[in-house]
N, C-alpha and C. Protein backbone atom coordinates (compact mmCIF):
# COMPACT_ATOMS: atom_id res chain seq x y z
N MET A 1 132.48 15.56 -103.25
CA MET A 1 132.54 16.04 -101.88
C MET A 1 131.20 15.80 -101.21
N GLU A 2 131.24 15.21 -99.97
CA GLU A 2 130.01 14.88 -99.28
C GLU A 2 129.72 15.95 -98.22
N PHE A 3 128.49 16.45 -98.19
CA PHE A 3 128.10 17.46 -97.22
C PHE A 3 127.25 16.82 -96.14
N GLN A 4 127.49 17.22 -94.87
CA GLN A 4 126.68 16.72 -93.78
C GLN A 4 125.38 17.49 -93.71
N ASN A 5 124.32 16.80 -93.36
CA ASN A 5 123.04 17.43 -93.14
C ASN A 5 123.17 18.37 -91.94
N ALA A 6 122.68 19.60 -92.07
CA ALA A 6 122.79 20.60 -90.99
C ALA A 6 122.10 20.13 -89.72
N PHE A 7 121.10 19.25 -89.85
CA PHE A 7 120.36 18.79 -88.68
C PHE A 7 120.99 17.57 -88.02
N THR A 8 122.06 17.03 -88.59
CA THR A 8 122.77 15.92 -87.94
C THR A 8 124.23 16.26 -87.68
N ALA A 9 124.67 17.43 -88.11
CA ALA A 9 126.07 17.83 -87.90
C ALA A 9 126.35 17.95 -86.41
N GLY A 10 127.47 17.40 -85.99
CA GLY A 10 127.89 17.51 -84.60
C GLY A 10 127.22 16.53 -83.66
N LEU A 11 126.39 15.64 -84.16
CA LEU A 11 125.72 14.66 -83.30
C LEU A 11 126.61 13.45 -83.08
N ARG A 12 126.56 12.93 -81.87
CA ARG A 12 127.25 11.68 -81.59
C ARG A 12 126.34 10.53 -82.02
N PRO A 13 126.87 9.34 -82.20
CA PRO A 13 126.00 8.20 -82.51
C PRO A 13 124.96 8.03 -81.41
N GLY A 14 123.71 7.91 -81.78
CA GLY A 14 122.63 7.81 -80.81
C GLY A 14 122.06 9.16 -80.41
N GLY A 15 122.62 10.26 -80.94
CA GLY A 15 122.09 11.59 -80.66
C GLY A 15 120.69 11.72 -81.24
N LEU A 16 119.91 12.63 -80.70
CA LEU A 16 118.51 12.77 -81.10
C LEU A 16 118.37 13.54 -82.41
N THR A 17 117.61 12.99 -83.32
CA THR A 17 117.36 13.65 -84.61
C THR A 17 115.88 13.84 -84.88
N ASN A 18 115.04 13.17 -84.15
CA ASN A 18 113.60 13.26 -84.32
C ASN A 18 113.06 14.48 -83.56
N ASP A 19 112.28 15.33 -84.25
CA ASP A 19 111.75 16.56 -83.64
C ASP A 19 111.03 16.28 -82.32
N PHE A 20 110.16 15.28 -82.32
CA PHE A 20 109.37 15.01 -81.13
C PHE A 20 110.26 14.53 -79.98
N GLU A 21 111.26 13.69 -80.28
CA GLU A 21 112.18 13.23 -79.23
C GLU A 21 112.92 14.41 -78.60
N VAL A 22 113.34 15.36 -79.42
CA VAL A 22 114.06 16.53 -78.90
C VAL A 22 113.13 17.35 -78.01
N GLN A 23 111.89 17.52 -78.42
CA GLN A 23 110.92 18.26 -77.60
C GLN A 23 110.71 17.56 -76.25
N VAL A 24 110.55 16.25 -76.29
CA VAL A 24 110.36 15.48 -75.06
C VAL A 24 111.60 15.59 -74.17
N PHE A 25 112.77 15.53 -74.77
CA PHE A 25 114.03 15.63 -74.02
C PHE A 25 114.13 16.98 -73.32
N VAL A 26 113.77 18.05 -74.01
CA VAL A 26 113.80 19.39 -73.39
C VAL A 26 112.83 19.44 -72.22
N CYS A 27 111.61 18.90 -72.40
CA CYS A 27 110.63 18.87 -71.31
C CYS A 27 111.15 18.02 -70.14
N TYR A 28 111.75 16.89 -70.46
CA TYR A 28 112.30 16.00 -69.44
C TYR A 28 113.36 16.73 -68.61
N LEU A 29 114.26 17.43 -69.28
CA LEU A 29 115.30 18.17 -68.57
C LEU A 29 114.70 19.27 -67.69
N LEU A 30 113.78 20.03 -68.25
CA LEU A 30 113.17 21.12 -67.47
C LEU A 30 112.44 20.57 -66.25
N LYS A 31 111.80 19.42 -66.40
CA LYS A 31 111.10 18.79 -65.27
C LYS A 31 112.10 18.46 -64.15
N HIS A 32 113.26 17.93 -64.52
CA HIS A 32 114.24 17.51 -63.52
C HIS A 32 115.11 18.65 -63.02
N ILE A 33 115.34 19.66 -63.84
CA ILE A 33 116.12 20.81 -63.39
C ILE A 33 115.36 21.53 -62.28
N GLY A 34 114.07 21.71 -62.47
CA GLY A 34 113.22 22.26 -61.42
C GLY A 34 113.31 23.75 -61.19
N ILE A 35 114.11 24.45 -61.96
CA ILE A 35 114.21 25.91 -61.87
C ILE A 35 114.12 26.48 -63.28
N PRO A 36 113.77 27.75 -63.41
CA PRO A 36 113.75 28.33 -64.76
C PRO A 36 115.12 28.24 -65.41
N ALA A 37 115.13 27.85 -66.68
CA ALA A 37 116.38 27.75 -67.44
C ALA A 37 116.26 28.59 -68.69
N THR A 38 117.32 29.28 -69.03
CA THR A 38 117.31 30.15 -70.21
C THR A 38 117.57 29.33 -71.47
N PHE A 39 117.31 29.97 -72.59
CA PHE A 39 117.59 29.37 -73.89
C PHE A 39 119.06 28.97 -73.98
N THR A 40 119.95 29.86 -73.56
CA THR A 40 121.39 29.60 -73.62
C THR A 40 121.78 28.43 -72.72
N GLN A 41 121.26 28.41 -71.50
CA GLN A 41 121.57 27.33 -70.58
C GLN A 41 121.13 25.98 -71.14
N LEU A 42 119.87 25.91 -71.59
CA LEU A 42 119.36 24.66 -72.15
C LEU A 42 120.15 24.25 -73.39
N GLY A 43 120.47 25.24 -74.24
CA GLY A 43 121.22 24.96 -75.45
C GLY A 43 122.58 24.34 -75.16
N GLU A 44 123.27 24.90 -74.17
CA GLU A 44 124.59 24.35 -73.81
C GLU A 44 124.46 22.95 -73.25
N ILE A 45 123.42 22.71 -72.46
CA ILE A 45 123.24 21.39 -71.86
C ILE A 45 122.94 20.33 -72.92
N VAL A 46 121.95 20.61 -73.79
CA VAL A 46 121.55 19.58 -74.76
C VAL A 46 122.59 19.34 -75.84
N GLN A 47 123.47 20.31 -76.07
CA GLN A 47 124.50 20.13 -77.09
C GLN A 47 125.76 19.48 -76.52
N THR A 48 125.80 19.24 -75.20
CA THR A 48 126.94 18.58 -74.59
C THR A 48 127.15 17.23 -75.25
N ASP A 49 128.36 16.99 -75.70
CA ASP A 49 128.75 15.71 -76.30
C ASP A 49 127.84 15.30 -77.45
N GLY A 50 127.26 16.27 -78.14
CA GLY A 50 126.49 15.95 -79.34
C GLY A 50 125.18 15.22 -79.11
N MET A 51 124.50 15.50 -77.97
CA MET A 51 123.22 14.84 -77.73
C MET A 51 122.15 15.35 -78.69
N VAL A 52 122.16 16.67 -78.95
CA VAL A 52 121.17 17.30 -79.83
C VAL A 52 121.89 18.35 -80.67
N ASN A 53 121.51 18.43 -81.91
CA ASN A 53 122.04 19.44 -82.83
C ASN A 53 121.40 20.80 -82.50
N TYR A 54 122.14 21.87 -82.66
CA TYR A 54 121.66 23.22 -82.34
C TYR A 54 120.36 23.55 -83.09
N PHE A 55 120.30 23.24 -84.37
CA PHE A 55 119.12 23.59 -85.16
C PHE A 55 117.88 22.82 -84.70
N GLU A 56 118.08 21.57 -84.32
CA GLU A 56 116.97 20.77 -83.79
C GLU A 56 116.50 21.36 -82.45
N PHE A 57 117.45 21.82 -81.65
CA PHE A 57 117.10 22.42 -80.35
C PHE A 57 116.28 23.69 -80.56
N VAL A 58 116.73 24.57 -81.47
CA VAL A 58 116.01 25.82 -81.75
C VAL A 58 114.59 25.50 -82.22
N SER A 59 114.48 24.54 -83.11
CA SER A 59 113.16 24.14 -83.62
C SER A 59 112.28 23.59 -82.49
N ALA A 60 112.86 22.78 -81.61
CA ALA A 60 112.09 22.20 -80.50
C ALA A 60 111.56 23.29 -79.57
N ILE A 61 112.40 24.26 -79.23
CA ILE A 61 111.95 25.35 -78.35
C ILE A 61 110.79 26.10 -79.00
N SER A 62 110.92 26.40 -80.27
CA SER A 62 109.86 27.11 -80.99
C SER A 62 108.55 26.31 -80.96
N GLN A 63 108.65 25.01 -81.22
CA GLN A 63 107.44 24.17 -81.24
C GLN A 63 106.83 24.02 -79.84
N LEU A 64 107.67 23.93 -78.82
CA LEU A 64 107.17 23.82 -77.45
C LEU A 64 106.47 25.11 -77.01
N LYS A 65 107.00 26.25 -77.43
CA LYS A 65 106.35 27.53 -77.12
C LYS A 65 104.99 27.60 -77.81
N GLN A 66 104.97 27.23 -79.09
CA GLN A 66 103.71 27.26 -79.85
C GLN A 66 102.70 26.26 -79.30
N GLY A 67 103.19 25.12 -78.82
CA GLY A 67 102.31 24.06 -78.31
C GLY A 67 101.84 24.28 -76.89
N GLY A 68 102.33 25.31 -76.22
CA GLY A 68 101.88 25.62 -74.87
C GLY A 68 102.51 24.77 -73.79
N GLN A 69 103.67 24.17 -74.08
CA GLN A 69 104.33 23.36 -73.05
C GLN A 69 105.29 24.17 -72.18
N LEU A 70 105.59 25.40 -72.58
CA LEU A 70 106.56 26.20 -71.84
C LEU A 70 105.94 27.46 -71.26
N ASN A 71 106.21 27.71 -69.97
CA ASN A 71 105.96 29.01 -69.36
C ASN A 71 107.18 29.86 -69.69
N ILE A 72 106.97 31.09 -70.07
CA ILE A 72 108.07 31.98 -70.42
C ILE A 72 108.10 33.15 -69.44
N SER A 73 109.26 33.37 -68.85
CA SER A 73 109.43 34.51 -67.94
C SER A 73 110.69 35.24 -68.35
N GLN A 74 110.92 36.38 -67.72
CA GLN A 74 112.11 37.18 -68.00
C GLN A 74 113.26 36.68 -67.14
N ALA A 75 114.38 36.35 -67.77
CA ALA A 75 115.57 35.89 -67.04
C ALA A 75 116.26 37.08 -66.39
N ASP A 76 117.04 36.83 -65.34
CA ASP A 76 117.76 37.89 -64.63
C ASP A 76 118.63 38.72 -65.56
N GLY A 77 119.39 38.07 -66.42
CA GLY A 77 120.29 38.78 -67.32
C GLY A 77 119.63 39.22 -68.60
N GLY A 78 118.32 39.12 -68.70
CA GLY A 78 117.61 39.43 -69.94
C GLY A 78 117.34 38.16 -70.71
N GLY A 79 116.51 38.24 -71.68
CA GLY A 79 116.15 37.05 -72.45
C GLY A 79 115.06 36.26 -71.76
N GLU A 80 114.75 35.12 -72.35
CA GLU A 80 113.65 34.29 -71.85
C GLU A 80 114.17 33.18 -70.94
N ALA A 81 113.38 32.85 -69.93
CA ALA A 81 113.63 31.69 -69.08
C ALA A 81 112.40 30.80 -69.17
N TYR A 82 112.62 29.49 -69.15
CA TYR A 82 111.53 28.55 -69.36
C TYR A 82 111.31 27.64 -68.16
N THR A 83 110.05 27.38 -67.88
CA THR A 83 109.62 26.31 -66.99
C THR A 83 108.51 25.59 -67.72
N LEU A 84 108.08 24.46 -67.18
CA LEU A 84 107.03 23.69 -67.85
C LEU A 84 105.64 24.10 -67.39
N THR A 85 104.73 24.13 -68.34
CA THR A 85 103.31 24.25 -68.03
C THR A 85 102.83 22.86 -67.63
N PRO A 86 101.61 22.72 -67.11
CA PRO A 86 101.09 21.38 -66.85
C PRO A 86 101.13 20.49 -68.11
N LYS A 87 100.87 21.09 -69.26
CA LYS A 87 100.94 20.33 -70.51
C LYS A 87 102.38 19.86 -70.78
N GLY A 88 103.36 20.69 -70.47
CA GLY A 88 104.76 20.31 -70.64
C GLY A 88 105.16 19.19 -69.70
N LYS A 89 104.66 19.23 -68.45
CA LYS A 89 104.94 18.15 -67.49
C LYS A 89 104.35 16.84 -67.97
N THR A 90 103.14 16.91 -68.52
CA THR A 90 102.50 15.71 -69.07
C THR A 90 103.31 15.16 -70.24
N THR A 91 103.82 16.05 -71.08
CA THR A 91 104.66 15.62 -72.21
C THR A 91 105.89 14.88 -71.69
N ALA A 92 106.55 15.44 -70.68
CA ALA A 92 107.75 14.82 -70.12
C ALA A 92 107.44 13.45 -69.53
N GLU A 93 106.38 13.38 -68.74
CA GLU A 93 106.05 12.14 -68.04
C GLU A 93 105.50 11.06 -68.97
N SER A 94 104.71 11.46 -69.94
CA SER A 94 104.06 10.48 -70.83
C SER A 94 104.98 9.91 -71.89
N PHE A 95 105.97 10.70 -72.32
CA PHE A 95 106.76 10.29 -73.48
C PHE A 95 108.26 10.15 -73.22
N GLU A 96 108.70 10.31 -71.97
CA GLU A 96 110.14 10.25 -71.71
C GLU A 96 110.75 8.93 -72.16
N HIS A 97 109.96 7.85 -72.16
CA HIS A 97 110.47 6.53 -72.58
C HIS A 97 110.89 6.51 -74.05
N LEU A 98 110.46 7.51 -74.83
CA LEU A 98 110.84 7.57 -76.25
C LEU A 98 112.28 8.07 -76.43
N VAL A 99 112.81 8.72 -75.41
CA VAL A 99 114.19 9.21 -75.45
C VAL A 99 115.07 8.11 -74.84
N PRO A 100 116.10 7.67 -75.54
CA PRO A 100 116.95 6.60 -75.01
C PRO A 100 117.45 6.91 -73.60
N LEU A 101 117.48 5.88 -72.77
CA LEU A 101 117.91 6.03 -71.38
C LEU A 101 119.30 6.66 -71.28
N SER A 102 120.21 6.27 -72.17
CA SER A 102 121.57 6.82 -72.12
C SER A 102 121.57 8.33 -72.33
N ILE A 103 120.71 8.81 -73.23
CA ILE A 103 120.60 10.27 -73.48
C ILE A 103 119.97 10.95 -72.27
N ARG A 104 118.94 10.35 -71.70
CA ARG A 104 118.30 10.95 -70.52
C ARG A 104 119.30 11.07 -69.37
N GLU A 105 120.03 9.98 -69.11
CA GLU A 105 121.00 10.00 -68.01
C GLU A 105 122.12 11.01 -68.28
N HIS A 106 122.60 11.01 -69.51
CA HIS A 106 123.68 11.95 -69.86
C HIS A 106 123.18 13.40 -69.77
N GLY A 107 121.93 13.63 -70.14
CA GLY A 107 121.34 14.96 -70.04
C GLY A 107 121.25 15.44 -68.60
N LEU A 108 120.87 14.54 -67.69
CA LEU A 108 120.80 14.90 -66.27
C LEU A 108 122.19 15.20 -65.71
N GLU A 109 123.17 14.38 -66.10
CA GLU A 109 124.55 14.63 -65.67
C GLU A 109 125.06 15.97 -66.20
N ALA A 110 124.78 16.23 -67.47
CA ALA A 110 125.23 17.49 -68.09
C ALA A 110 124.57 18.69 -67.42
N SER A 111 123.28 18.58 -67.09
CA SER A 111 122.60 19.72 -66.45
C SER A 111 123.12 19.93 -65.03
N ALA A 112 123.37 18.85 -64.28
CA ALA A 112 123.92 18.99 -62.92
C ALA A 112 125.31 19.63 -62.98
N SER A 113 126.12 19.18 -63.91
CA SER A 113 127.47 19.73 -64.07
C SER A 113 127.41 21.20 -64.48
N TYR A 114 126.52 21.53 -65.41
CA TYR A 114 126.40 22.91 -65.89
C TYR A 114 126.02 23.85 -64.75
N PHE A 115 124.99 23.49 -63.98
CA PHE A 115 124.53 24.38 -62.91
C PHE A 115 125.51 24.42 -61.75
N ALA A 116 126.26 23.35 -61.52
CA ALA A 116 127.32 23.38 -60.49
C ALA A 116 128.40 24.38 -60.90
N ARG A 117 128.78 24.37 -62.19
CA ARG A 117 129.76 25.33 -62.69
C ARG A 117 129.23 26.76 -62.55
N GLN A 118 127.95 26.95 -62.86
CA GLN A 118 127.34 28.28 -62.74
C GLN A 118 127.42 28.78 -61.30
N ARG A 119 127.06 27.89 -60.35
CA ARG A 119 127.11 28.28 -58.93
C ARG A 119 128.54 28.62 -58.52
N MET A 120 129.48 27.81 -58.98
CA MET A 120 130.88 28.05 -58.65
C MET A 120 131.34 29.40 -59.18
N MET A 121 130.91 29.74 -60.41
CA MET A 121 131.29 31.03 -61.00
C MET A 121 130.69 32.19 -60.21
N GLU A 122 129.49 31.99 -59.66
CA GLU A 122 128.84 33.05 -58.90
C GLU A 122 129.45 33.19 -57.50
N GLU A 123 129.81 32.07 -56.90
CA GLU A 123 130.31 32.07 -55.54
C GLU A 123 131.80 32.37 -55.45
N ASN A 124 132.53 32.08 -56.50
CA ASN A 124 133.97 32.30 -56.52
C ASN A 124 134.27 33.19 -57.71
N TYR A 125 134.96 34.26 -57.47
CA TYR A 125 135.18 35.22 -58.55
C TYR A 125 136.49 35.97 -58.34
N THR A 126 136.82 36.76 -59.33
CA THR A 126 138.04 37.56 -59.25
C THR A 126 137.70 39.03 -59.48
N GLU A 127 138.55 39.87 -58.93
CA GLU A 127 138.46 41.31 -59.19
C GLU A 127 139.83 41.75 -59.72
N ILE A 128 139.84 42.47 -60.81
CA ILE A 128 141.10 42.95 -61.38
C ILE A 128 141.05 44.48 -61.41
N ILE A 129 142.07 45.09 -60.81
CA ILE A 129 142.14 46.55 -60.75
C ILE A 129 143.47 47.00 -61.35
N LYS A 130 143.40 47.99 -62.21
CA LYS A 130 144.61 48.59 -62.79
C LYS A 130 145.24 49.48 -61.74
N VAL A 131 146.54 49.26 -61.48
CA VAL A 131 147.29 50.11 -60.55
C VAL A 131 148.41 50.76 -61.35
N PRO A 132 149.09 51.81 -60.81
CA PRO A 132 150.08 52.55 -61.61
C PRO A 132 151.16 51.70 -62.27
N ASP A 133 151.59 50.64 -61.59
CA ASP A 133 152.69 49.86 -62.16
C ASP A 133 152.28 48.46 -62.65
N GLY A 134 150.99 48.22 -62.82
CA GLY A 134 150.53 46.91 -63.30
C GLY A 134 149.08 46.67 -62.93
N TYR A 135 148.82 45.50 -62.36
CA TYR A 135 147.45 45.12 -62.02
C TYR A 135 147.42 44.44 -60.65
N GLN A 136 146.31 44.60 -59.96
CA GLN A 136 146.05 43.92 -58.70
C GLN A 136 144.89 42.96 -58.97
N ILE A 137 145.14 41.65 -58.80
CA ILE A 137 144.08 40.67 -58.97
C ILE A 137 143.75 40.09 -57.60
N THR A 138 142.45 40.03 -57.29
CA THR A 138 142.00 39.47 -56.03
C THR A 138 141.17 38.24 -56.33
N LEU A 139 141.53 37.12 -55.71
CA LEU A 139 140.84 35.85 -55.86
C LEU A 139 139.92 35.68 -54.65
N ILE A 140 138.64 35.46 -54.90
CA ILE A 140 137.67 35.43 -53.81
C ILE A 140 136.92 34.12 -53.81
N VAL A 141 136.91 33.45 -52.64
CA VAL A 141 136.09 32.27 -52.42
C VAL A 141 135.03 32.71 -51.43
N SER A 142 133.79 32.78 -51.88
CA SER A 142 132.69 33.29 -51.06
C SER A 142 132.02 32.18 -50.27
N ASP A 143 131.31 32.60 -49.25
CA ASP A 143 130.49 31.71 -48.45
C ASP A 143 129.22 32.48 -48.12
N VAL A 144 128.34 31.87 -47.36
CA VAL A 144 127.08 32.52 -47.02
C VAL A 144 127.32 33.81 -46.26
N GLY A 145 128.25 33.80 -45.31
CA GLY A 145 128.56 34.99 -44.53
C GLY A 145 129.77 35.69 -45.09
N SER A 146 130.84 35.66 -44.31
CA SER A 146 132.10 36.28 -44.73
C SER A 146 132.76 35.44 -45.82
N ASP A 147 133.61 36.09 -46.61
CA ASP A 147 134.38 35.37 -47.62
C ASP A 147 135.31 34.39 -46.91
N LEU A 148 135.46 33.18 -47.48
CA LEU A 148 136.40 32.21 -46.94
C LEU A 148 137.84 32.61 -47.25
N MET A 149 138.03 33.20 -48.43
CA MET A 149 139.37 33.63 -48.82
C MET A 149 139.25 34.85 -49.71
N ARG A 150 140.17 35.79 -49.49
CA ARG A 150 140.30 36.97 -50.35
C ARG A 150 141.79 37.22 -50.46
N LEU A 151 142.37 36.77 -51.59
CA LEU A 151 143.81 36.82 -51.78
C LEU A 151 144.13 37.78 -52.92
N SER A 152 144.93 38.82 -52.63
CA SER A 152 145.31 39.80 -53.64
C SER A 152 146.75 39.61 -54.06
N LEU A 153 146.99 39.70 -55.34
CA LEU A 153 148.33 39.55 -55.91
C LEU A 153 148.61 40.71 -56.85
N PHE A 154 149.87 41.14 -56.87
CA PHE A 154 150.29 42.11 -57.87
C PHE A 154 150.78 41.34 -59.09
N VAL A 155 150.33 41.77 -60.27
CA VAL A 155 150.73 41.14 -61.53
C VAL A 155 151.06 42.26 -62.51
N PRO A 156 152.23 42.19 -63.18
CA PRO A 156 152.62 43.29 -64.06
C PRO A 156 151.79 43.43 -65.33
N LYS A 157 151.27 42.31 -65.88
CA LYS A 157 150.59 42.39 -67.17
C LYS A 157 149.15 41.87 -67.10
N GLU A 158 148.29 42.46 -67.91
CA GLU A 158 146.88 42.09 -67.94
C GLU A 158 146.69 40.63 -68.39
N LYS A 159 147.50 40.18 -69.35
CA LYS A 159 147.40 38.79 -69.84
C LYS A 159 147.68 37.81 -68.70
N GLN A 160 148.61 38.17 -67.82
CA GLN A 160 148.91 37.31 -66.69
C GLN A 160 147.72 37.24 -65.73
N CYS A 161 147.03 38.36 -65.57
CA CYS A 161 145.82 38.37 -64.74
C CYS A 161 144.80 37.39 -65.28
N GLU A 162 144.62 37.42 -66.59
CA GLU A 162 143.63 36.53 -67.22
C GLU A 162 144.02 35.07 -67.04
N ALA A 163 145.32 34.76 -67.16
CA ALA A 163 145.78 33.39 -66.96
C ALA A 163 145.54 32.94 -65.52
N ILE A 164 145.80 33.82 -64.56
CA ILE A 164 145.56 33.51 -63.15
C ILE A 164 144.07 33.33 -62.90
N ARG A 165 143.26 34.21 -63.46
CA ARG A 165 141.80 34.11 -63.30
C ARG A 165 141.29 32.77 -63.81
N LYS A 166 141.73 32.37 -65.00
CA LYS A 166 141.28 31.10 -65.58
C LYS A 166 141.69 29.92 -64.71
N ALA A 167 142.93 29.93 -64.26
CA ALA A 167 143.42 28.84 -63.41
C ALA A 167 142.63 28.77 -62.10
N PHE A 168 142.37 29.93 -61.50
CA PHE A 168 141.61 29.97 -60.26
C PHE A 168 140.19 29.47 -60.47
N MET A 169 139.51 29.93 -61.52
CA MET A 169 138.12 29.55 -61.75
C MET A 169 137.98 28.07 -62.13
N LYS A 170 139.06 27.50 -62.63
CA LYS A 170 139.03 26.08 -62.99
C LYS A 170 138.86 25.22 -61.74
N ASP A 171 139.51 25.62 -60.63
CA ASP A 171 139.41 24.84 -59.39
C ASP A 171 139.67 25.73 -58.18
N PRO A 172 138.72 26.61 -57.82
CA PRO A 172 138.94 27.51 -56.69
C PRO A 172 139.09 26.78 -55.36
N VAL A 173 138.44 25.63 -55.24
CA VAL A 173 138.55 24.87 -53.99
C VAL A 173 139.99 24.41 -53.78
N HIS A 174 140.64 23.98 -54.84
CA HIS A 174 142.04 23.55 -54.75
C HIS A 174 142.94 24.71 -54.31
N VAL A 175 142.70 25.89 -54.86
CA VAL A 175 143.49 27.07 -54.48
C VAL A 175 143.29 27.36 -52.99
N TYR A 176 142.04 27.32 -52.54
CA TYR A 176 141.73 27.58 -51.13
C TYR A 176 142.39 26.54 -50.23
N GLN A 177 142.26 25.25 -50.60
CA GLN A 177 142.86 24.19 -49.79
C GLN A 177 144.39 24.30 -49.77
N SER A 178 144.97 24.68 -50.90
CA SER A 178 146.43 24.85 -50.96
C SER A 178 146.88 25.97 -50.03
N MET A 179 146.14 27.07 -50.01
CA MET A 179 146.48 28.18 -49.11
C MET A 179 146.37 27.74 -47.65
N LEU A 180 145.32 26.99 -47.32
CA LEU A 180 145.16 26.51 -45.95
C LEU A 180 146.31 25.59 -45.56
N SER A 181 146.71 24.71 -46.48
CA SER A 181 147.78 23.75 -46.16
C SER A 181 149.11 24.48 -45.91
N LEU A 182 149.33 25.61 -46.57
CA LEU A 182 150.55 26.39 -46.33
C LEU A 182 150.64 26.88 -44.88
N PHE A 183 149.49 27.13 -44.30
CA PHE A 183 149.46 27.68 -42.94
C PHE A 183 149.05 26.64 -41.90
N GLN A 184 148.92 25.38 -42.31
CA GLN A 184 148.43 24.35 -41.40
C GLN A 184 149.31 24.17 -40.17
N ASP A 185 150.63 24.22 -40.32
CA ASP A 185 151.52 24.08 -39.16
C ASP A 185 151.29 25.20 -38.15
N ALA A 186 151.14 26.42 -38.65
CA ALA A 186 150.88 27.56 -37.75
C ALA A 186 149.54 27.41 -37.05
N ILE A 187 148.54 26.96 -37.79
CA ILE A 187 147.21 26.76 -37.20
C ILE A 187 147.27 25.69 -36.13
N ASN A 188 147.94 24.56 -36.44
CA ASN A 188 148.04 23.46 -35.48
C ASN A 188 148.82 23.87 -34.23
N SER A 189 149.92 24.60 -34.39
CA SER A 189 150.70 25.01 -33.22
C SER A 189 149.91 25.99 -32.35
N GLU A 190 149.08 26.82 -32.97
CA GLU A 190 148.24 27.75 -32.20
C GLU A 190 147.18 26.98 -31.45
N ASP A 191 146.61 25.93 -32.08
CA ASP A 191 145.61 25.10 -31.40
C ASP A 191 146.25 24.40 -30.21
N ASP A 192 147.49 23.88 -30.38
CA ASP A 192 148.18 23.21 -29.28
C ASP A 192 148.46 24.17 -28.14
N ALA A 193 148.77 25.42 -28.47
CA ALA A 193 149.08 26.42 -27.44
C ALA A 193 147.87 26.72 -26.57
N MET A 194 146.67 26.51 -27.10
CA MET A 194 145.46 26.78 -26.32
C MET A 194 145.36 25.84 -25.12
N PHE A 195 145.95 24.64 -25.23
CA PHE A 195 145.83 23.65 -24.17
C PHE A 195 147.01 23.64 -23.21
N ILE A 196 147.96 24.53 -23.38
CA ILE A 196 149.14 24.59 -22.49
C ILE A 196 148.87 25.50 -21.33
């Protein structure tokens, strides 16, 4: 029976296995992300599609902290958030060429996708309230001012609420656009009435 090395398990071909490359990759991402990122956020990004093994990532963060490349602050939800020190920026700029271009590009795509999902989760959300005969779920699409949509539904079972929540969070814009299209004829006829 053949056992996989814990430091290469889950890596795609071309994934990073060298300690220094992983450290440079983390610095590179933090430089381009431009905002404090937590351990969990960075971990999810670098592990996307097997770019970096979890154990290599943990080791890289530890070494970057010891080497003075990371500023550490308190994250909103607790835990540590990281930005680069001047030494970390130098590491990113001086050695980024050591990380394959495909990994760098994929890392930037993964980080953009991750933070877009985070924003969507913050801006669009659900509220579930237990009522005497079941549950009331409200789907909310937020905007800077007033909510764009606040749709409440009665659902008899909690599991159904969870299924609706997941479907809504998967594509809240589609739900909003679908609701608008249902009322488009009424909206258009009201607009036409303004000119009569």
